[in-house]
Amino acid sequence: MPTKRLPLPKRLPLPKRMSVALTEEAYDRLRELNSGYGLSNNYLLTVLLSRLDDYADPDRLARVFDDFIADYGAPLPGGMGAHKPEEPDG
């Protein structure tokens, strides 16, 4: 009697490749998600970014980015050097 083959799970193609630098805290959080869900870092980042609107409040997300830019600045166009906004006078 032939053995029944189980269907192979679908695999999501990830055509874009990039090198990512993370803080220790961010990497630890990624590893925690990896441990909890059993997905690779690539798939975790794909799910987090492609479904961001499903779980992140737009106003809170905007505040988080605004706070980050106020603390660390934003990269200059065409480069990764940080440009911190100037403090207003007064």
N, C-alpha and C. Protein backbone atom coordinates (compact mmCIF):
# COMPACT_ATOMS: atom_id res chain seq x y z
N MET A 1 0.85 -1.18 0.00
CA MET A 1 0.00 0.00 0.00
C MET A 1 0.90 1.24 0.00
N PRO A 2 0.69 2.18 -0.96
CA PRO A 2 1.54 3.38 -1.01
C PRO A 2 1.25 4.30 0.17
N THR A 3 2.30 4.97 0.62
CA THR A 3 2.12 5.93 1.72
C THR A 3 1.56 7.23 1.17
N LYS A 4 0.72 7.83 1.97
CA LYS A 4 0.10 9.09 1.56
C LYS A 4 1.10 10.23 1.81
N ARG A 5 1.31 11.02 0.77
CA ARG A 5 2.21 12.17 0.91
C ARG A 5 1.42 13.38 1.41
N LEU A 6 2.00 14.04 2.37
CA LEU A 6 1.39 15.28 2.87
C LEU A 6 1.77 16.41 1.92
N PRO A 7 0.85 17.34 1.69
CA PRO A 7 1.18 18.46 0.80
C PRO A 7 2.28 19.32 1.44
N LEU A 8 3.15 19.83 0.61
CA LEU A 8 4.19 20.72 1.10
C LEU A 8 3.56 22.07 1.45
N PRO A 9 4.03 22.68 2.53
CA PRO A 9 3.47 24.00 2.87
C PRO A 9 3.86 25.02 1.81
N LYS A 10 2.98 26.02 1.65
CA LYS A 10 3.29 27.10 0.71
C LYS A 10 4.50 27.87 1.24
N ARG A 11 5.28 28.37 0.33
CA ARG A 11 6.45 29.14 0.71
C ARG A 11 6.34 30.52 0.07
N LEU A 12 6.48 31.54 0.88
CA LEU A 12 6.41 32.90 0.40
C LEU A 12 7.77 33.30 -0.16
N PRO A 13 7.83 33.67 -1.45
CA PRO A 13 9.12 34.10 -2.00
C PRO A 13 9.52 35.46 -1.42
N LEU A 14 10.79 35.60 -1.12
CA LEU A 14 11.33 36.86 -0.61
C LEU A 14 12.41 37.34 -1.57
N PRO A 15 12.01 38.04 -2.65
CA PRO A 15 12.97 38.40 -3.69
C PRO A 15 13.92 39.53 -3.31
N LYS A 16 13.57 40.36 -2.36
CA LYS A 16 14.43 41.48 -1.97
C LYS A 16 15.38 41.05 -0.87
N ARG A 17 16.65 41.35 -1.06
CA ARG A 17 17.66 41.04 -0.05
C ARG A 17 18.32 42.33 0.39
N MET A 18 18.59 42.42 1.68
CA MET A 18 19.28 43.59 2.20
C MET A 18 19.97 43.24 3.50
N SER A 19 20.94 44.02 3.82
CA SER A 19 21.63 43.86 5.09
C SER A 19 20.94 44.80 6.08
N VAL A 20 20.69 44.31 7.29
CA VAL A 20 19.99 45.11 8.28
C VAL A 20 20.84 45.22 9.54
N ALA A 21 20.97 46.42 10.04
CA ALA A 21 21.64 46.64 11.32
C ALA A 21 20.56 46.92 12.36
N LEU A 22 20.67 46.28 13.52
CA LEU A 22 19.69 46.45 14.58
C LEU A 22 20.38 46.76 15.89
N THR A 23 19.67 47.44 16.77
CA THR A 23 20.17 47.61 18.13
C THR A 23 20.08 46.27 18.84
N GLU A 24 20.78 46.13 19.95
CA GLU A 24 20.69 44.90 20.72
C GLU A 24 19.25 44.64 21.17
N GLU A 25 18.57 45.70 21.60
CA GLU A 25 17.18 45.57 22.04
C GLU A 25 16.28 45.07 20.91
N ALA A 26 16.43 45.66 19.72
CA ALA A 26 15.60 45.25 18.58
C ALA A 26 15.90 43.80 18.19
N TYR A 27 17.18 43.43 18.21
CA TYR A 27 17.56 42.06 17.85
C TYR A 27 17.01 41.07 18.88
N ASP A 28 17.05 41.43 20.16
CA ASP A 28 16.48 40.56 21.20
C ASP A 28 14.98 40.37 20.99
N ARG A 29 14.28 41.43 20.63
CA ARG A 29 12.83 41.32 20.38
C ARG A 29 12.57 40.43 19.17
N LEU A 30 13.40 40.56 18.12
CA LEU A 30 13.25 39.72 16.94
C LEU A 30 13.47 38.26 17.30
N ARG A 31 14.48 37.98 18.12
CA ARG A 31 14.76 36.60 18.54
C ARG A 31 13.61 36.04 19.39
N GLU A 32 13.00 36.87 20.23
CA GLU A 32 11.84 36.44 21.02
C GLU A 32 10.69 36.05 20.10
N LEU A 33 10.43 36.87 19.08
CA LEU A 33 9.38 36.54 18.11
C LEU A 33 9.73 35.25 17.37
N ASN A 34 10.99 35.10 17.00
CA ASN A 34 11.46 33.89 16.32
C ASN A 34 11.18 32.67 17.19
N SER A 35 11.50 32.77 18.45
CA SER A 35 11.29 31.66 19.37
C SER A 35 9.81 31.34 19.54
N GLY A 36 8.99 32.38 19.60
CA GLY A 36 7.56 32.18 19.82
C GLY A 36 6.80 31.67 18.61
N TYR A 37 7.20 32.11 17.42
CA TYR A 37 6.46 31.76 16.22
C TYR A 37 7.19 30.80 15.30
N GLY A 38 8.48 30.60 15.52
CA GLY A 38 9.22 29.65 14.70
C GLY A 38 9.46 30.13 13.28
N LEU A 39 9.43 31.43 13.06
CA LEU A 39 9.68 32.00 11.74
C LEU A 39 11.09 32.58 11.70
N SER A 40 11.69 32.60 10.53
CA SER A 40 13.01 33.20 10.38
C SER A 40 12.90 34.72 10.52
N ASN A 41 14.03 35.36 10.75
CA ASN A 41 14.05 36.82 10.85
C ASN A 41 13.47 37.47 9.60
N ASN A 42 13.78 36.91 8.43
CA ASN A 42 13.26 37.46 7.18
C ASN A 42 11.73 37.44 7.16
N TYR A 43 11.13 36.31 7.53
CA TYR A 43 9.68 36.22 7.53
C TYR A 43 9.06 37.09 8.61
N LEU A 44 9.69 37.16 9.78
CA LEU A 44 9.17 38.01 10.84
C LEU A 44 9.12 39.47 10.40
N LEU A 45 10.21 39.95 9.82
CA LEU A 45 10.22 41.34 9.36
C LEU A 45 9.22 41.56 8.23
N THR A 46 9.06 40.57 7.37
CA THR A 46 8.08 40.67 6.29
C THR A 46 6.67 40.79 6.84
N VAL A 47 6.32 39.95 7.81
CA VAL A 47 4.99 40.01 8.41
C VAL A 47 4.79 41.34 9.13
N LEU A 48 5.77 41.74 9.93
CA LEU A 48 5.64 42.99 10.68
C LEU A 48 5.45 44.19 9.78
N LEU A 49 6.21 44.26 8.70
CA LEU A 49 6.14 45.44 7.83
C LEU A 49 4.99 45.38 6.83
N SER A 50 4.73 44.22 6.26
CA SER A 50 3.67 44.15 5.25
C SER A 50 2.27 44.23 5.87
N ARG A 51 2.16 43.92 7.16
CA ARG A 51 0.85 43.97 7.83
C ARG A 51 0.79 45.03 8.92
N LEU A 52 1.67 46.01 8.81
CA LEU A 52 1.77 47.06 9.82
C LEU A 52 0.43 47.74 10.09
N ASP A 53 -0.33 48.01 9.04
CA ASP A 53 -1.62 48.69 9.21
C ASP A 53 -2.64 47.84 9.95
N ASP A 54 -2.42 46.53 10.00
CA ASP A 54 -3.36 45.64 10.69
C ASP A 54 -3.24 45.73 12.21
N TYR A 55 -2.09 46.15 12.71
CA TYR A 55 -1.91 46.13 14.16
C TYR A 55 -1.37 47.43 14.76
N ALA A 56 -0.89 48.35 13.96
CA ALA A 56 -0.31 49.58 14.50
C ALA A 56 -1.25 50.76 14.32
N ASP A 57 -1.47 51.49 15.38
CA ASP A 57 -2.27 52.70 15.31
C ASP A 57 -1.46 53.79 14.60
N PRO A 58 -1.98 54.37 13.52
CA PRO A 58 -1.21 55.35 12.74
C PRO A 58 -0.74 56.56 13.55
N ASP A 59 -1.57 57.04 14.46
CA ASP A 59 -1.18 58.20 15.26
C ASP A 59 -0.05 57.86 16.24
N ARG A 60 -0.16 56.71 16.88
CA ARG A 60 0.90 56.28 17.80
C ARG A 60 2.19 56.01 17.05
N LEU A 61 2.09 55.40 15.87
CA LEU A 61 3.27 55.12 15.06
C LEU A 61 3.95 56.43 14.65
N ALA A 62 3.17 57.42 14.25
CA ALA A 62 3.73 58.71 13.87
C ALA A 62 4.45 59.35 15.06
N ARG A 63 3.88 59.25 16.26
CA ARG A 63 4.55 59.80 17.45
C ARG A 63 5.85 59.09 17.74
N VAL A 64 5.87 57.77 17.57
CA VAL A 64 7.10 57.01 17.80
C VAL A 64 8.19 57.47 16.84
N PHE A 65 7.86 57.61 15.56
CA PHE A 65 8.85 58.07 14.59
C PHE A 65 9.27 59.51 14.86
N ASP A 66 8.32 60.37 15.21
CA ASP A 66 8.66 61.76 15.54
C ASP A 66 9.62 61.83 16.74
N ASP A 67 9.35 61.02 17.76
CA ASP A 67 10.23 60.98 18.94
C ASP A 67 11.62 60.47 18.56
N PHE A 68 11.68 59.45 17.73
CA PHE A 68 12.96 58.91 17.29
C PHE A 68 13.76 59.96 16.53
N ILE A 69 13.10 60.65 15.60
CA ILE A 69 13.78 61.68 14.80
C ILE A 69 14.24 62.83 15.69
N ALA A 70 13.44 63.20 16.69
CA ALA A 70 13.84 64.26 17.62
C ALA A 70 15.09 63.85 18.40
N ASP A 71 15.19 62.58 18.76
CA ASP A 71 16.35 62.10 19.53
C ASP A 71 17.57 61.86 18.67
N TYR A 72 17.40 61.26 17.51
CA TYR A 72 18.54 60.79 16.72
C TYR A 72 18.69 61.47 15.35
N GLY A 73 17.70 62.22 14.94
CA GLY A 73 17.75 62.84 13.63
C GLY A 73 17.30 61.87 12.56
N ALA A 74 17.20 62.39 11.35
CA ALA A 74 16.79 61.58 10.19
C ALA A 74 17.94 61.56 9.20
N PRO A 75 18.10 60.48 8.46
CA PRO A 75 19.18 60.45 7.46
C PRO A 75 19.01 61.53 6.41
N LEU A 76 20.13 62.06 5.96
CA LEU A 76 20.10 63.02 4.87
C LEU A 76 19.71 62.30 3.59
N PRO A 77 19.04 62.97 2.65
CA PRO A 77 18.71 62.32 1.38
C PRO A 77 19.96 61.79 0.69
N GLY A 78 19.90 60.55 0.25
CA GLY A 78 21.02 59.95 -0.47
C GLY A 78 22.11 59.41 0.42
N GLY A 79 21.94 59.44 1.72
CA GLY A 79 22.99 58.94 2.61
C GLY A 79 22.43 58.55 3.95
N MET A 80 23.26 57.92 4.74
CA MET A 80 22.80 57.45 6.05
C MET A 80 23.29 58.34 7.19
N GLY A 81 24.01 59.42 6.90
CA GLY A 81 24.43 60.32 7.96
C GLY A 81 23.22 61.00 8.57
N ALA A 82 23.12 61.01 9.88
CA ALA A 82 21.95 61.58 10.54
C ALA A 82 21.97 63.09 10.48
N HIS A 83 20.82 63.68 10.26
CA HIS A 83 20.62 65.11 10.28
C HIS A 83 19.60 65.38 11.37
N LYS A 84 20.06 65.98 12.47
CA LYS A 84 19.16 66.27 13.56
C LYS A 84 18.49 67.61 13.31
N PRO A 85 17.17 67.70 13.50
CA PRO A 85 16.49 68.98 13.28
C PRO A 85 17.03 70.04 14.23
N GLU A 86 17.11 71.26 13.74
CA GLU A 86 17.60 72.36 14.59
C GLU A 86 16.56 72.69 15.63
N GLU A 87 17.06 73.08 16.82
CA GLU A 87 16.18 73.48 17.92
C GLU A 87 15.58 74.85 17.60
N PRO A 88 14.29 75.02 17.82
CA PRO A 88 13.68 76.34 17.57
C PRO A 88 14.21 77.36 18.58
N ASP A 89 14.37 78.60 18.16
CA ASP A 89 14.80 79.66 19.07
C ASP A 89 13.65 80.05 19.98
N GLY A 90 14.01 80.35 21.22
CA GLY A 90 12.99 80.88 22.12
C GLY A 90 12.73 79.99 23.19
